[in-house]
Amino acid sequence: MEHWLPQIFLFGGGVYALAGSVFNWNWFFEDDFSGLMVEWLGRKGARIFYAGLGLFLVFVGWVFTL
């Protein structure tokens, strides 16, 4: 099971970031770090950033399982 743990965390974190971006959850973007990203990039920019990050993490988690 330990072998799959990093892939599970990468995939799960990617799904979490992607879902927060797609569904535009207020509680997701009011977090300290997310709030900083919103301050720097604006709400729309932060959503795009987290969508890209989520897709990247899902992809990396999937590639590491191969």
N, C-alpha and C. Protein backbone atom coordinates (compact mmCIF):
# COMPACT_ATOMS: atom_id res chain seq x y z
N MET A 1 0.82 -1.20 0.00
CA MET A 1 0.00 0.00 0.00
C MET A 1 0.86 1.26 0.00
N GLU A 2 2.03 1.22 0.62
CA GLU A 2 2.88 2.40 0.69
C GLU A 2 3.32 2.85 -0.70
N HIS A 3 3.41 1.91 -1.61
CA HIS A 3 3.83 2.24 -2.97
C HIS A 3 2.83 3.17 -3.66
N TRP A 4 1.56 3.03 -3.36
CA TRP A 4 0.51 3.82 -4.02
C TRP A 4 0.20 5.13 -3.30
N LEU A 5 0.72 5.31 -2.10
CA LEU A 5 0.37 6.48 -1.30
C LEU A 5 0.69 7.81 -1.98
N PRO A 6 1.87 8.02 -2.56
CA PRO A 6 2.13 9.30 -3.24
C PRO A 6 1.19 9.55 -4.42
N GLN A 7 0.88 8.51 -5.17
CA GLN A 7 -0.02 8.67 -6.31
C GLN A 7 -1.43 9.04 -5.84
N ILE A 8 -1.86 8.45 -4.76
CA ILE A 8 -3.18 8.76 -4.23
C ILE A 8 -3.24 10.21 -3.78
N PHE A 9 -2.19 10.68 -3.09
CA PHE A 9 -2.17 12.07 -2.64
C PHE A 9 -2.09 13.04 -3.81
N LEU A 10 -1.29 12.74 -4.81
CA LEU A 10 -1.20 13.61 -5.99
C LEU A 10 -2.55 13.67 -6.70
N PHE A 11 -3.13 12.52 -6.97
CA PHE A 11 -4.41 12.48 -7.66
C PHE A 11 -5.51 13.16 -6.85
N GLY A 12 -5.56 12.86 -5.55
CA GLY A 12 -6.58 13.46 -4.68
C GLY A 12 -6.42 14.97 -4.56
N GLY A 13 -5.19 15.43 -4.43
CA GLY A 13 -4.94 16.88 -4.37
C GLY A 13 -5.31 17.56 -5.67
N GLY A 14 -5.05 16.90 -6.78
CA GLY A 14 -5.43 17.46 -8.08
C GLY A 14 -6.93 17.56 -8.24
N VAL A 15 -7.63 16.52 -7.84
CA VAL A 15 -9.10 16.54 -7.93
C VAL A 15 -9.66 17.63 -7.02
N TYR A 16 -9.09 17.79 -5.83
CA TYR A 16 -9.51 18.81 -4.88
C TYR A 16 -9.32 20.22 -5.46
N ALA A 17 -8.14 20.49 -6.02
CA ALA A 17 -7.85 21.80 -6.59
C ALA A 17 -8.73 22.06 -7.80
N LEU A 18 -8.91 21.06 -8.64
CA LEU A 18 -9.73 21.21 -9.83
C LEU A 18 -11.19 21.45 -9.46
N ALA A 19 -11.70 20.71 -8.50
CA ALA A 19 -13.09 20.89 -8.07
C ALA A 19 -13.30 22.26 -7.44
N GLY A 20 -12.35 22.72 -6.63
CA GLY A 20 -12.46 24.05 -6.04
C GLY A 20 -12.51 25.12 -7.10
N SER A 21 -11.75 24.94 -8.16
CA SER A 21 -11.73 25.91 -9.24
C SER A 21 -13.01 25.87 -10.07
N VAL A 22 -13.44 24.69 -10.43
CA VAL A 22 -14.61 24.55 -11.30
C VAL A 22 -15.88 25.00 -10.59
N PHE A 23 -16.04 24.59 -9.33
CA PHE A 23 -17.26 24.93 -8.59
C PHE A 23 -17.18 26.28 -7.89
N ASN A 24 -16.02 26.94 -7.95
CA ASN A 24 -15.84 28.29 -7.41
C ASN A 24 -16.26 28.36 -5.94
N TRP A 25 -15.78 27.43 -5.14
CA TRP A 25 -16.13 27.37 -3.72
C TRP A 25 -15.55 28.56 -2.98
N ASN A 26 -16.39 29.31 -2.29
CA ASN A 26 -15.92 30.46 -1.52
C ASN A 26 -14.95 30.04 -0.42
N TRP A 27 -15.27 28.97 0.29
CA TRP A 27 -14.41 28.52 1.39
C TRP A 27 -13.04 28.08 0.86
N PHE A 28 -12.98 27.61 -0.36
CA PHE A 28 -11.70 27.22 -0.96
C PHE A 28 -10.83 28.44 -1.23
N PHE A 29 -11.44 29.50 -1.74
CA PHE A 29 -10.69 30.69 -2.10
C PHE A 29 -10.51 31.66 -0.94
N GLU A 30 -11.12 31.40 0.20
CA GLU A 30 -10.92 32.25 1.38
C GLU A 30 -9.85 31.69 2.32
N ASP A 31 -9.27 30.57 1.96
CA ASP A 31 -8.14 30.00 2.70
C ASP A 31 -6.97 30.98 2.64
N ASP A 32 -6.03 30.87 3.57
CA ASP A 32 -4.90 31.80 3.62
C ASP A 32 -4.10 31.81 2.33
N PHE A 33 -3.65 30.64 1.86
CA PHE A 33 -2.83 30.60 0.65
C PHE A 33 -3.67 30.93 -0.58
N SER A 34 -4.87 30.39 -0.67
CA SER A 34 -5.73 30.68 -1.81
C SER A 34 -6.11 32.15 -1.83
N GLY A 35 -6.32 32.73 -0.66
CA GLY A 35 -6.62 34.15 -0.58
C GLY A 35 -5.47 34.99 -1.09
N LEU A 36 -4.26 34.53 -0.83
CA LEU A 36 -3.08 35.22 -1.35
C LEU A 36 -3.05 35.14 -2.88
N MET A 37 -3.39 33.98 -3.42
CA MET A 37 -3.43 33.83 -4.88
C MET A 37 -4.54 34.71 -5.48
N VAL A 38 -5.66 34.82 -4.80
CA VAL A 38 -6.74 35.69 -5.27
C VAL A 38 -6.29 37.14 -5.24
N GLU A 39 -5.55 37.50 -4.20
CA GLU A 39 -5.04 38.87 -4.08
C GLU A 39 -4.06 39.18 -5.22
N TRP A 40 -3.20 38.24 -5.56
CA TRP A 40 -2.20 38.45 -6.61
C TRP A 40 -2.80 38.38 -8.02
N LEU A 41 -3.67 37.39 -8.26
CA LEU A 41 -4.14 37.11 -9.62
C LEU A 41 -5.58 37.53 -9.88
N GLY A 42 -6.31 37.87 -8.84
CA GLY A 42 -7.74 38.09 -8.98
C GLY A 42 -8.46 36.75 -8.89
N ARG A 43 -9.76 36.80 -8.71
CA ARG A 43 -10.53 35.55 -8.52
C ARG A 43 -10.47 34.67 -9.77
N LYS A 44 -10.65 35.28 -10.94
CA LYS A 44 -10.64 34.51 -12.18
C LYS A 44 -9.25 33.93 -12.44
N GLY A 45 -8.21 34.70 -12.20
CA GLY A 45 -6.85 34.21 -12.38
C GLY A 45 -6.53 33.07 -11.43
N ALA A 46 -6.99 33.19 -10.19
CA ALA A 46 -6.76 32.13 -9.21
C ALA A 46 -7.50 30.86 -9.61
N ARG A 47 -8.69 31.00 -10.15
CA ARG A 47 -9.44 29.83 -10.62
C ARG A 47 -8.71 29.15 -11.77
N ILE A 48 -8.16 29.93 -12.68
CA ILE A 48 -7.40 29.36 -13.79
C ILE A 48 -6.14 28.68 -13.27
N PHE A 49 -5.46 29.33 -12.34
CA PHE A 49 -4.25 28.75 -11.75
C PHE A 49 -4.56 27.40 -11.09
N TYR A 50 -5.61 27.34 -10.27
CA TYR A 50 -5.93 26.11 -9.57
C TYR A 50 -6.47 25.03 -10.51
N ALA A 51 -7.13 25.43 -11.59
CA ALA A 51 -7.55 24.44 -12.58
C ALA A 51 -6.32 23.83 -13.24
N GLY A 52 -5.35 24.66 -13.61
CA GLY A 52 -4.12 24.14 -14.20
C GLY A 52 -3.34 23.29 -13.23
N LEU A 53 -3.24 23.73 -11.98
CA LEU A 53 -2.55 22.96 -10.96
C LEU A 53 -3.23 21.61 -10.73
N GLY A 54 -4.56 21.64 -10.68
CA GLY A 54 -5.30 20.39 -10.48
C GLY A 54 -5.09 19.42 -11.62
N LEU A 55 -5.16 19.91 -12.85
CA LEU A 55 -4.93 19.04 -14.00
C LEU A 55 -3.51 18.49 -14.00
N PHE A 56 -2.54 19.33 -13.65
CA PHE A 56 -1.16 18.89 -13.58
C PHE A 56 -0.98 17.80 -12.54
N LEU A 57 -1.54 17.98 -11.34
CA LEU A 57 -1.38 16.99 -10.28
C LEU A 57 -2.07 15.68 -10.62
N VAL A 58 -3.25 15.75 -11.24
CA VAL A 58 -3.93 14.54 -11.67
C VAL A 58 -3.09 13.81 -12.71
N PHE A 59 -2.54 14.56 -13.66
CA PHE A 59 -1.70 13.96 -14.69
C PHE A 59 -0.45 13.31 -14.09
N VAL A 60 0.22 14.00 -13.19
CA VAL A 60 1.44 13.46 -12.57
C VAL A 60 1.10 12.22 -11.75
N GLY A 61 0.01 12.25 -11.00
CA GLY A 61 -0.41 11.08 -10.24
C GLY A 61 -0.71 9.91 -11.14
N TRP A 62 -1.32 10.15 -12.27
CA TRP A 62 -1.63 9.10 -13.23
C TRP A 62 -0.36 8.55 -13.86
N VAL A 63 0.56 9.43 -14.24
CA VAL A 63 1.81 8.99 -14.87
C VAL A 63 2.64 8.14 -13.90
N PHE A 64 2.68 8.52 -12.63
CA PHE A 64 3.45 7.77 -11.65
C PHE A 64 2.87 6.39 -11.38
N THR A 65 1.61 6.17 -11.71
CA THR A 65 1.02 4.84 -11.52
C THR A 65 1.42 3.90 -12.64
N LEU A 66 1.91 4.44 -13.75
CA LEU A 66 2.29 3.58 -14.88
C LEU A 66 3.64 2.94 -14.70
